[in-house]
Each structure stands twice: as C-alpha cells, then as structure tokens.
PDB file of N, CA and C in Angstrom:
ATOM      1  N   MET A   1     -29.825  23.393   7.152  1.00  0.00           N
ATOM      2  CA  MET A   1     -29.219  22.342   6.452  1.00  0.00           C
ATOM      3  C   MET A   1     -29.174  21.202   7.376  1.00  0.00           C
ATOM      4  N   GLU A   2     -29.939  20.145   7.126  1.00  0.00           N
ATOM      5  CA  GLU A   2     -29.699  18.942   8.041  1.00  0.00           C
ATOM      6  C   GLU A   2     -28.752  18.095   7.599  1.00  0.00           C
ATOM      7  N   SER A   3     -28.079  17.496   8.608  1.00  0.00           N
ATOM      8  CA  SER A   3     -27.104  16.393   8.243  1.00  0.00           C
ATOM      9  C   SER A   3     -27.797  15.102   8.223  1.00  0.00           C
ATOM     10  N   SER A   4     -27.686  14.405   7.087  1.00  0.00           N
ATOM     11  CA  SER A   4     -28.376  13.088   6.895  1.00  0.00           C
ATOM     12  C   SER A   4     -27.312  11.973   6.964  1.00  0.00           C
ATOM     13  N   SER A   5     -27.517  10.837   6.565  1.00  0.00           N
ATOM     14  CA  SER A   5     -26.548   9.743   6.685  1.00  0.00           C
ATOM     15  C   SER A   5     -25.169  10.181   6.111  1.00  0.00           C
ATOM     16  N   PRO A   6     -24.136   9.680   6.774  1.00  0.00           N
ATOM     17  CA  PRO A   6     -22.837   9.933   6.169  1.00  0.00           C
ATOM     18  C   PRO A   6     -22.571   9.249   4.875  1.00  0.00           C
ATOM     19  N   GLU A   7     -21.859  10.082   4.075  1.00  0.00           N
ATOM     20  CA  GLU A   7     -21.531   9.690   2.703  1.00  0.00           C
ATOM     21  C   GLU A   7     -20.061   9.195   2.689  1.00  0.00           C
ATOM     22  N   ILE A   8     -19.819   8.163   1.719  1.00  0.00           N
ATOM     23  CA  ILE A   8     -18.491   7.645   1.484  1.00  0.00           C
ATOM     24  C   ILE A   8     -17.967   8.728   0.464  1.00  0.00           C
ATOM     25  N   ILE A   9     -16.797   9.297   0.970  1.00  0.00           N
ATOM     26  CA  ILE A   9     -16.146  10.260  -0.062  1.00  0.00           C
ATOM     27  C   ILE A   9     -15.219   9.535  -1.213  1.00  0.00           C
ATOM     28  N   GLY A  10     -15.537   9.705  -2.351  1.00  0.00           N
ATOM     29  CA  GLY A  10     -14.742   9.234  -3.520  1.00  0.00           C
ATOM     30  C   GLY A  10     -15.378   8.115  -4.260  1.00  0.00           C
ATOM     31  N   GLY A  11     -15.871   7.098  -3.610  1.00  0.00           N
ATOM     32  CA  GLY A  11     -16.312   5.977  -4.203  1.00  0.00           C
ATOM     33  C   GLY A  11     -15.393   4.809  -4.278  1.00  0.00           C
ATOM     34  N   ILE A  12     -15.633   3.763  -4.908  1.00  0.00           N
ATOM     35  CA  ILE A  12     -14.819   2.590  -5.122  1.00  0.00           C
ATOM     36  C   ILE A  12     -13.501   2.773  -5.731  1.00  0.00           C
ATOM     37  N   PHE A  13     -13.513   3.533  -6.931  1.00  0.00           N
ATOM     38  CA  PHE A  13     -12.397   3.606  -7.657  1.00  0.00           C
ATOM     39  C   PHE A  13     -11.066   4.254  -6.949  1.00  0.00           C
ATOM     40  N   PRO A  14     -11.388   5.419  -6.272  1.00  0.00           N
ATOM     41  CA  PRO A  14     -10.213   6.056  -5.597  1.00  0.00           C
ATOM     42  C   PRO A  14      -9.708   5.223  -4.508  1.00  0.00           C
ATOM     43  N   ASN A  15     -10.656   4.430  -3.790  1.00  0.00           N
ATOM     44  CA  ASN A  15     -10.232   3.631  -2.726  1.00  0.00           C
ATOM     45  C   ASN A  15      -9.520   2.464  -3.073  1.00  0.00           C
ATOM     46  N   LEU A  16      -9.910   1.928  -4.377  1.00  0.00           N
ATOM     47  CA  LEU A  16      -9.030   0.869  -4.977  1.00  0.00           C
ATOM     48  C   LEU A  16      -7.679   1.327  -5.388  1.00  0.00           C
ATOM     49  N   VAL A  17      -7.583   2.461  -5.941  1.00  0.00           N
ATOM     50  CA  VAL A  17      -6.300   2.962  -6.501  1.00  0.00           C
ATOM     51  C   VAL A  17      -5.384   3.178  -5.080  1.00  0.00           C
ATOM     52  N   ALA A  18      -5.888   3.728  -4.023  1.00  0.00           N
ATOM     53  CA  ALA A  18      -5.252   4.104  -2.886  1.00  0.00           C
ATOM     54  C   ALA A  18      -4.652   2.653  -2.403  1.00  0.00           C
ATOM     55  N   PHE A  19      -5.530   1.786  -2.282  1.00  0.00           N
ATOM     56  CA  PHE A  19      -5.240   0.355  -1.583  1.00  0.00           C
ATOM     57  C   PHE A  19      -3.952  -0.345  -2.397  1.00  0.00           C
ATOM     58  N   ILE A  20      -4.060  -0.387  -3.617  1.00  0.00           N
ATOM     59  CA  ILE A  20      -3.133  -0.808  -4.745  1.00  0.00           C
ATOM     60  C   ILE A  20      -1.847  -0.176  -4.436  1.00  0.00           C
ATOM     61  N   LEU A  21      -1.838   1.179  -4.326  1.00  0.00           N
ATOM     62  CA  LEU A  21      -0.576   1.963  -4.061  1.00  0.00           C
ATOM     63  C   LEU A  21      -0.064   1.695  -2.690  1.00  0.00           C
ATOM     64  N   PHE A  22      -0.769   1.588  -1.681  1.00  0.00           N
ATOM     65  CA  PHE A  22      -0.407   1.128  -0.406  1.00  0.00           C
ATOM     66  C   PHE A  22       0.258  -0.246  -0.431  1.00  0.00           C
ATOM     67  N   CYS A  23      -0.468  -1.207  -0.994  1.00  0.00           N
ATOM     68  CA  CYS A  23       0.287  -2.511  -1.167  1.00  0.00           C
ATOM     69  C   CYS A  23       1.674  -2.553  -1.868  1.00  0.00           C
ATOM     70  N   TRP A  24       1.649  -1.735  -3.110  1.00  0.00           N
ATOM     71  CA  TRP A  24       2.852  -1.631  -3.684  1.00  0.00           C
ATOM     72  C   TRP A  24       4.066  -0.979  -2.874  1.00  0.00           C
ATOM     73  N   LEU A  25       3.797  -0.001  -2.056  1.00  0.00           N
ATOM     74  CA  LEU A  25       4.672   0.519  -1.272  1.00  0.00           C
ATOM     75  C   LEU A  25       5.196  -0.485  -0.279  1.00  0.00           C
ATOM     76  N   ILE A  26       4.397  -1.188   0.304  1.00  0.00           N
ATOM     77  CA  ILE A  26       4.747  -2.310   1.363  1.00  0.00           C
ATOM     78  C   ILE A  26       5.745  -3.089   0.631  1.00  0.00           C
ATOM     79  N   LEU A  27       5.348  -3.669  -0.501  1.00  0.00           N
ATOM     80  CA  LEU A  27       6.281  -4.569  -1.239  1.00  0.00           C
ATOM     81  C   LEU A  27       7.629  -4.049  -1.679  1.00  0.00           C
ATOM     82  N   TYR A  28       7.474  -2.777  -2.039  1.00  0.00           N
ATOM     83  CA  TYR A  28       8.723  -1.952  -2.480  1.00  0.00           C
ATOM     84  C   TYR A  28       9.693  -2.079  -1.305  1.00  0.00           C
ATOM     85  N   PHE A  29       9.180  -1.402  -0.061  1.00  0.00           N
ATOM     86  CA  PHE A  29      10.152  -1.282   0.972  1.00  0.00           C
ATOM     87  C   PHE A  29      10.426  -2.653   1.684  1.00  0.00           C
ATOM     88  N   ALA A  30       9.637  -3.644   1.500  1.00  0.00           N
ATOM     89  CA  ALA A  30       9.929  -5.174   2.025  1.00  0.00           C
ATOM     90  C   ALA A  30      11.086  -5.678   0.997  1.00  0.00           C
ATOM     91  N   ARG A  31      11.253  -5.210  -0.278  1.00  0.00           N
ATOM     92  CA  ARG A  31      12.163  -5.932  -1.069  1.00  0.00           C
ATOM     93  C   ARG A  31      13.475  -5.163  -0.979  1.00  0.00           C
ATOM     94  N   THR A  32      13.426  -3.844  -0.363  1.00  0.00           N
ATOM     95  CA  THR A  32      14.559  -3.094  -0.549  1.00  0.00           C
ATOM     96  C   THR A  32      15.252  -2.842   0.948  1.00  0.00           C
ATOM     97  N   GLY A  33      14.495  -3.297   1.963  1.00  0.00           N
ATOM     98  CA  GLY A  33      14.999  -3.024   3.221  1.00  0.00           C
ATOM     99  C   GLY A  33      15.602  -4.254   3.986  1.00  0.00           C
ATOM    100  N   ARG A  34      15.490  -4.295   5.303  1.00  0.00           N
ATOM    101  CA  ARG A  34      15.971  -5.455   6.036  1.00  0.00           C
ATOM    102  C   ARG A  34      15.150  -6.671   5.724  1.00  0.00           C
ATOM    103  N   MET A  35      13.977  -6.652   5.433  1.00  0.00           N
ATOM    104  CA  MET A  35      13.125  -7.894   5.177  1.00  0.00           C
ATOM    105  C   MET A  35      13.844  -8.594   3.898  1.00  0.00           C
ATOM    106  N   ALA A  36      14.301  -7.884   2.886  1.00  0.00           N
ATOM    107  CA  ALA A  36      15.214  -8.414   1.734  1.00  0.00           C
ATOM    108  C   ALA A  36      16.092  -9.275   2.182  1.00  0.00           C
ATOM    109  N   LYS A  37      17.034  -8.747   3.136  1.00  0.00           N
ATOM    110  CA  LYS A  37      18.101  -9.528   3.720  1.00  0.00           C
ATOM    111  C   LYS A  37      17.612 -10.871   4.371  1.00  0.00           C
ATOM    112  N   MET A  38      16.553 -10.691   5.093  1.00  0.00           N
ATOM    113  CA  MET A  38      15.862 -11.722   5.964  1.00  0.00           C
ATOM    114  C   MET A  38      15.401 -12.938   5.022  1.00  0.00           C
ATOM    115  N   PHE A  39      14.823 -12.510   3.973  1.00  0.00           N
ATOM    116  CA  PHE A  39      14.263 -13.455   2.934  1.00  0.00           C
ATOM    117  C   PHE A  39      15.338 -13.900   1.732  1.00  0.00           C
ATOM    118  N   GLY A  40      16.331 -13.314   1.863  1.00  0.00           N
ATOM    119  CA  GLY A  40      17.470 -13.492   0.684  1.00  0.00           C
ATOM    120  C   GLY A  40      17.188 -12.942  -0.497  1.00  0.00           C
ATOM    121  N   TRP A  41      16.336 -11.948  -0.664  1.00  0.00           N
ATOM    122  CA  TRP A  41      15.937 -11.093  -1.872  1.00  0.00           C
ATOM    123  C   TRP A  41      17.056 -10.006  -2.123  1.00  0.00           C
ATOM    124  N   ASP A  42      18.056  -9.850  -1.253  1.00  0.00           N
ATOM    125  CA  ASP A  42      18.851  -8.830  -1.383  1.00  0.00           C
ATOM    126  C   ASP A  42      19.994  -9.233  -2.462  1.00  0.00           C
ATOM    127  N   LYS A  43      20.054  -8.453  -3.562  1.00  0.00           N
ATOM    128  CA  LYS A  43      20.970  -8.786  -4.655  1.00  0.00           C
ATOM    129  C   LYS A  43      22.440  -8.294  -4.271  1.00  0.00           C
ATOM    130  N   LYS A  44      22.693  -7.406  -3.374  1.00  0.00           N
ATOM    131  CA  LYS A  44      23.982  -7.232  -2.942  1.00  0.00           C
ATOM    132  C   LYS A  44      24.613  -8.329  -2.061  1.00  0.00           C
ATOM    133  N   ASN A  45      23.941  -9.164  -1.426  1.00  0.00           N
ATOM    134  CA  ASN A  45      24.602 -10.173  -0.682  1.00  0.00           C
ATOM    135  C   ASN A  45      24.997 -11.522  -1.502  1.00  0.00           C
ATOM    136  N   LYS A  46      24.621 -11.378  -2.656  1.00  0.00           N
ATOM    137  CA  LYS A  46      24.895 -12.668  -3.462  1.00  0.00           C
ATOM    138  C   LYS A  46      26.307 -12.933  -3.897  1.00  0.00           C
TER     139      LYS A  46
END
C-alpha cells in the first residue's frame, strides 16, 4: 500500500462547524470573564 498525497480529513463542513464553535466559545468566555468587566459588559457591576 503506497502512501500518496495527504488527504484533508472531514472536508469543509466539519471544519466550518468547529471554527464557529471555537469562535462562540471565545465570545462566551469573553462576555463572562474578566474581559466583561474591562469592557463594561458585566451585568453585576451596574
């Protein structure tokens, strides 16, 4: 069995779903952590 050129596992759709999930997690933790206090997004401080 010869190894030919490398193949991309999954394709564009699973990679797009993973990218959207990754961005959502960044935004979620940015809105709930110390960044929220820094930007004034913290609802507890109002």
